[in-house]
């Protein structure tokens, strides 16, 4: 959700972006039981508002849960309520860690992976 502090809408109807900041609605959910399902997470977080997506991360080689996932809530207020209500709460036998999700850092793929340097 983009919240405007200073809504500078130009003549073409496009916002200039000045004074705009974004509040994330995506939450990181850690320390999940390997038996937790996306439907189970959706049910838990649905008690705090509308859940627009629920995703558990799985290992691509084994197909097993990595023990964490992401929930996206319908609004910032719902996300804040969900963090307050679920962080530290026991779910499927595990104490959840819930906080605002951070953007994944981008990897630099230009180096080639051989250490570089002068090898002449």
C-alpha atoms as a PDB file:
ATOM      1  CA  UNK A   1       0.000   0.000   0.000  1.00  0.00           C
ATOM      2  CA  UNK A   2       1.356   3.380  -0.905  1.00  0.00           C
ATOM      3  CA  UNK A   3       0.493   6.141   1.513  1.00  0.00           C
ATOM      4  CA  UNK A   4       0.737   9.704   0.271  1.00  0.00           C
ATOM      5  CA  UNK A   5       2.142  12.353   2.549  1.00  0.00           C
ATOM      6  CA  UNK A   6       2.156  14.967  -0.174  1.00  0.00           C
ATOM      7  CA  UNK A   7      -0.026  13.901  -3.092  1.00  0.00           C
ATOM      8  CA  UNK A   8       1.638  15.673  -6.000  1.00  0.00           C
ATOM      9  CA  UNK A   9      -0.569  14.612  -8.887  1.00  0.00           C
ATOM     10  CA  UNK A  10       0.488  16.112 -12.168  1.00  0.00           C
ATOM     11  CA  UNK A  11      -1.779  17.246 -15.036  1.00  0.00           C
ATOM     12  CA  UNK A  12      -1.515  13.802 -16.647  1.00  0.00           C
ATOM     13  CA  UNK A  13      -2.885  12.143 -13.473  1.00  0.00           C
ATOM     14  CA  UNK A  14       0.450  10.594 -12.497  1.00  0.00           C
ATOM     15  CA  UNK A  15       1.869  11.065  -9.022  1.00  0.00           C
ATOM     16  CA  UNK A  16       5.338  12.615  -8.966  1.00  0.00           C
ATOM     17  CA  UNK A  17       6.387  10.363  -6.080  1.00  0.00           C
ATOM     18  CA  UNK A  18       7.459  13.214  -3.815  1.00  0.00           C
ATOM     19  CA  UNK A  19       6.559  12.614  -0.187  1.00  0.00           C
ATOM     20  CA  UNK A  20       5.462   9.049  -0.862  1.00  0.00           C
ATOM     21  CA  UNK A  21       6.491   6.105   1.284  1.00  0.00           C
ATOM     22  CA  UNK A  22       5.411   2.482   1.386  1.00  0.00           C
ATOM     23  CA  UNK A  23       4.374   0.395   4.360  1.00  0.00           C
ATOM     24  CA  UNK A  24       4.785  -3.331   3.760  1.00  0.00           C
ATOM     25  CA  UNK A  25       1.855  -5.653   4.300  1.00  0.00           C
ATOM     26  CA  UNK A  26       3.979  -8.750   3.726  1.00  0.00           C
ATOM     27  CA  UNK A  27       4.951 -10.630   6.867  1.00  0.00           C
ATOM     28  CA  UNK A  28       7.729 -13.122   7.487  1.00  0.00           C
ATOM     29  CA  UNK A  29       6.598 -16.129   9.532  1.00  0.00           C
ATOM     30  CA  UNK A  30       9.469 -18.190  10.944  1.00  0.00           C
ATOM     31  CA  UNK A  31       9.946 -21.289  13.093  1.00  0.00           C
ATOM     32  CA  UNK A  32       7.070 -23.102  11.374  1.00  0.00           C
ATOM     33  CA  UNK A  33       6.455 -26.772  12.008  1.00  0.00           C
ATOM     34  CA  UNK A  34       7.267 -28.912   8.982  1.00  0.00           C
ATOM     35  CA  UNK A  35       3.621 -30.050   9.164  1.00  0.00           C
ATOM     36  CA  UNK A  36       2.150 -26.536   8.883  1.00  0.00           C
ATOM     37  CA  UNK A  37       0.126 -25.947   5.722  1.00  0.00           C
ATOM     38  CA  UNK A  38      -0.617 -22.760   3.813  1.00  0.00           C
ATOM     39  CA  UNK A  39      -4.308 -23.250   4.641  1.00  0.00           C
ATOM     40  CA  UNK A  40      -3.402 -23.498   8.332  1.00  0.00           C
ATOM     41  CA  UNK A  41      -1.468 -20.225   8.149  1.00  0.00           C
ATOM     42  CA  UNK A  42      -4.310 -18.587   6.244  1.00  0.00           C
ATOM     43  CA  UNK A  43      -6.713 -19.665   8.996  1.00  0.00           C
ATOM     44  CA  UNK A  44      -4.478 -18.388  11.813  1.00  0.00           C
ATOM     45  CA  UNK A  45      -3.805 -14.989  10.243  1.00  0.00           C
ATOM     46  CA  UNK A  46      -7.382 -14.651   8.963  1.00  0.00           C
ATOM     47  CA  UNK A  47      -8.392 -13.900  12.543  1.00  0.00           C
ATOM     48  CA  UNK A  48      -6.576 -10.548  12.210  1.00  0.00           C
ATOM     49  CA  UNK A  49      -7.954  -9.440   8.843  1.00  0.00           C
ATOM     50  CA  UNK A  50      -8.004 -10.399   5.184  1.00  0.00           C
ATOM     51  CA  UNK A  51      -5.158 -12.635   4.026  1.00  0.00           C
ATOM     52  CA  UNK A  52      -4.348 -11.932   0.385  1.00  0.00           C
ATOM     53  CA  UNK A  53      -1.670 -14.641   0.143  1.00  0.00           C
ATOM     54  CA  UNK A  54      -0.048 -17.368   2.215  1.00  0.00           C
ATOM     55  CA  UNK A  55       3.156 -19.065   1.044  1.00  0.00           C
ATOM     56  CA  UNK A  56       5.357 -21.644   2.767  1.00  0.00           C
ATOM     57  CA  UNK A  57       8.856 -21.972   1.314  1.00  0.00           C
ATOM     58  CA  UNK A  58       9.975 -25.468   0.309  1.00  0.00           C
ATOM     59  CA  UNK A  59      13.436 -26.842  -0.473  1.00  0.00           C
ATOM     60  CA  UNK A  60      13.612 -27.388  -4.226  1.00  0.00           C
ATOM     61  CA  UNK A  61      15.766 -30.520  -3.889  1.00  0.00           C
ATOM     62  CA  UNK A  62      13.944 -32.385  -1.114  1.00  0.00           C
ATOM     63  CA  UNK A  63      10.462 -30.868  -1.353  1.00  0.00           C
ATOM     64  CA  UNK A  64      10.439 -30.393   2.428  1.00  0.00           C
ATOM     65  CA  UNK A  65       9.355 -27.196   4.145  1.00  0.00           C
ATOM     66  CA  UNK A  66      12.207 -24.879   5.071  1.00  0.00           C
ATOM     67  CA  UNK A  67      10.299 -23.882   8.214  1.00  0.00           C
ATOM     68  CA  UNK A  68       9.333 -20.369   7.168  1.00  0.00           C
ATOM     69  CA  UNK A  69       6.873 -18.599   4.947  1.00  0.00           C
ATOM     70  CA  UNK A  70       5.173 -15.334   4.098  1.00  0.00           C
ATOM     71  CA  UNK A  71       1.717 -13.916   4.678  1.00  0.00           C
ATOM     72  CA  UNK A  72       0.334 -10.874   2.919  1.00  0.00           C
ATOM     73  CA  UNK A  73      -2.405  -8.981   4.725  1.00  0.00           C
ATOM     74  CA  UNK A  74      -5.043  -6.686   3.205  1.00  0.00           C
ATOM     75  CA  UNK A  75      -3.926  -3.537   5.040  1.00  0.00           C
ATOM     76  CA  UNK A  76      -1.132  -2.151   7.189  1.00  0.00           C
ATOM     77  CA  UNK A  77      -3.431  -2.118  10.216  1.00  0.00           C
ATOM     78  CA  UNK A  78      -4.274  -5.802   9.741  1.00  0.00           C
ATOM     79  CA  UNK A  79      -0.582  -6.619   9.332  1.00  0.00           C
ATOM     80  CA  UNK A  80       0.258  -4.802  12.586  1.00  0.00           C
ATOM     81  CA  UNK A  81      -2.545  -6.629  14.417  1.00  0.00           C
ATOM     82  CA  UNK A  82      -1.355  -9.962  13.009  1.00  0.00           C
ATOM     83  CA  UNK A  83       2.234  -9.345  14.173  1.00  0.00           C
ATOM     84  CA  UNK A  84       1.049  -8.355  17.644  1.00  0.00           C
ATOM     85  CA  UNK A  85      -1.258 -11.358  17.891  1.00  0.00           C
ATOM     86  CA  UNK A  86       0.956 -14.108  16.480  1.00  0.00           C
ATOM     87  CA  UNK A  87       4.604 -13.253  17.227  1.00  0.00           C
ATOM     88  CA  UNK A  88       5.683 -15.608  20.007  1.00  0.00           C
ATOM     89  CA  UNK A  89       2.435 -17.592  19.829  1.00  0.00           C
ATOM     90  CA  UNK A  90       2.572 -21.371  19.687  1.00  0.00           C
ATOM     91  CA  UNK A  91       1.197 -22.881  16.484  1.00  0.00           C
ATOM     92  CA  UNK A  92       1.486 -26.542  15.451  1.00  0.00           C
ATOM     93  CA  UNK A  93       3.790 -27.093  18.440  1.00  0.00           C
ATOM     94  CA  UNK A  94       6.255 -24.322  17.549  1.00  0.00           C
ATOM     95  CA  UNK A  95       6.663 -20.763  18.842  1.00  0.00           C
ATOM     96  CA  UNK A  96       6.222 -18.491  15.804  1.00  0.00           C
ATOM     97  CA  UNK A  97       8.487 -15.584  14.900  1.00  0.00           C
ATOM     98  CA  UNK A  98       6.479 -13.026  12.956  1.00  0.00           C
ATOM     99  CA  UNK A  99       7.671  -9.664  11.683  1.00  0.00           C
ATOM    100  CA  UNK A 100       7.521  -7.393   8.675  1.00  0.00           C
ATOM    101  CA  UNK A 101       9.160  -9.057   5.677  1.00  0.00           C
ATOM    102  CA  UNK A 102      12.240  -7.390   4.238  1.00  0.00           C
ATOM    103  CA  UNK A 103      13.063  -7.254   0.546  1.00  0.00           C
ATOM    104  CA  UNK A 104      15.367 -10.057  -0.526  1.00  0.00           C
ATOM    105  CA  UNK A 105      18.810  -8.652  -1.360  1.00  0.00           C
ATOM    106  CA  UNK A 106      19.686  -8.977  -5.013  1.00  0.00           C
ATOM    107  CA  UNK A 107      22.654 -11.165  -5.856  1.00  0.00           C
ATOM    108  CA  UNK A 108      25.416  -9.816  -8.075  1.00  0.00           C
ATOM    109  CA  UNK A 109      25.570 -12.308 -10.944  1.00  0.00           C
ATOM    110  CA  UNK A 110      28.216 -10.476 -12.946  1.00  0.00           C
ATOM    111  CA  UNK A 111      31.344 -11.805 -11.204  1.00  0.00           C
ATOM    112  CA  UNK A 112      31.304 -15.309 -12.658  1.00  0.00           C
ATOM    113  CA  UNK A 113      32.028 -17.053  -9.359  1.00  0.00           C
ATOM    114  CA  UNK A 114      35.724 -17.885  -9.875  1.00  0.00           C
ATOM    115  CA  UNK A 115      37.116 -15.359  -7.457  1.00  0.00           C
ATOM    116  CA  UNK A 116      38.341 -12.938 -10.084  1.00  0.00           C
ATOM    117  CA  UNK A 117      41.735 -11.359  -9.571  1.00  0.00           C
ATOM    118  CA  UNK A 118      44.765 -11.242 -11.841  1.00  0.00           C
ATOM    119  CA  UNK A 119      45.653 -14.834 -12.719  1.00  0.00           C
ATOM    120  CA  UNK A 120      47.983 -14.309 -15.691  1.00  0.00           C
END
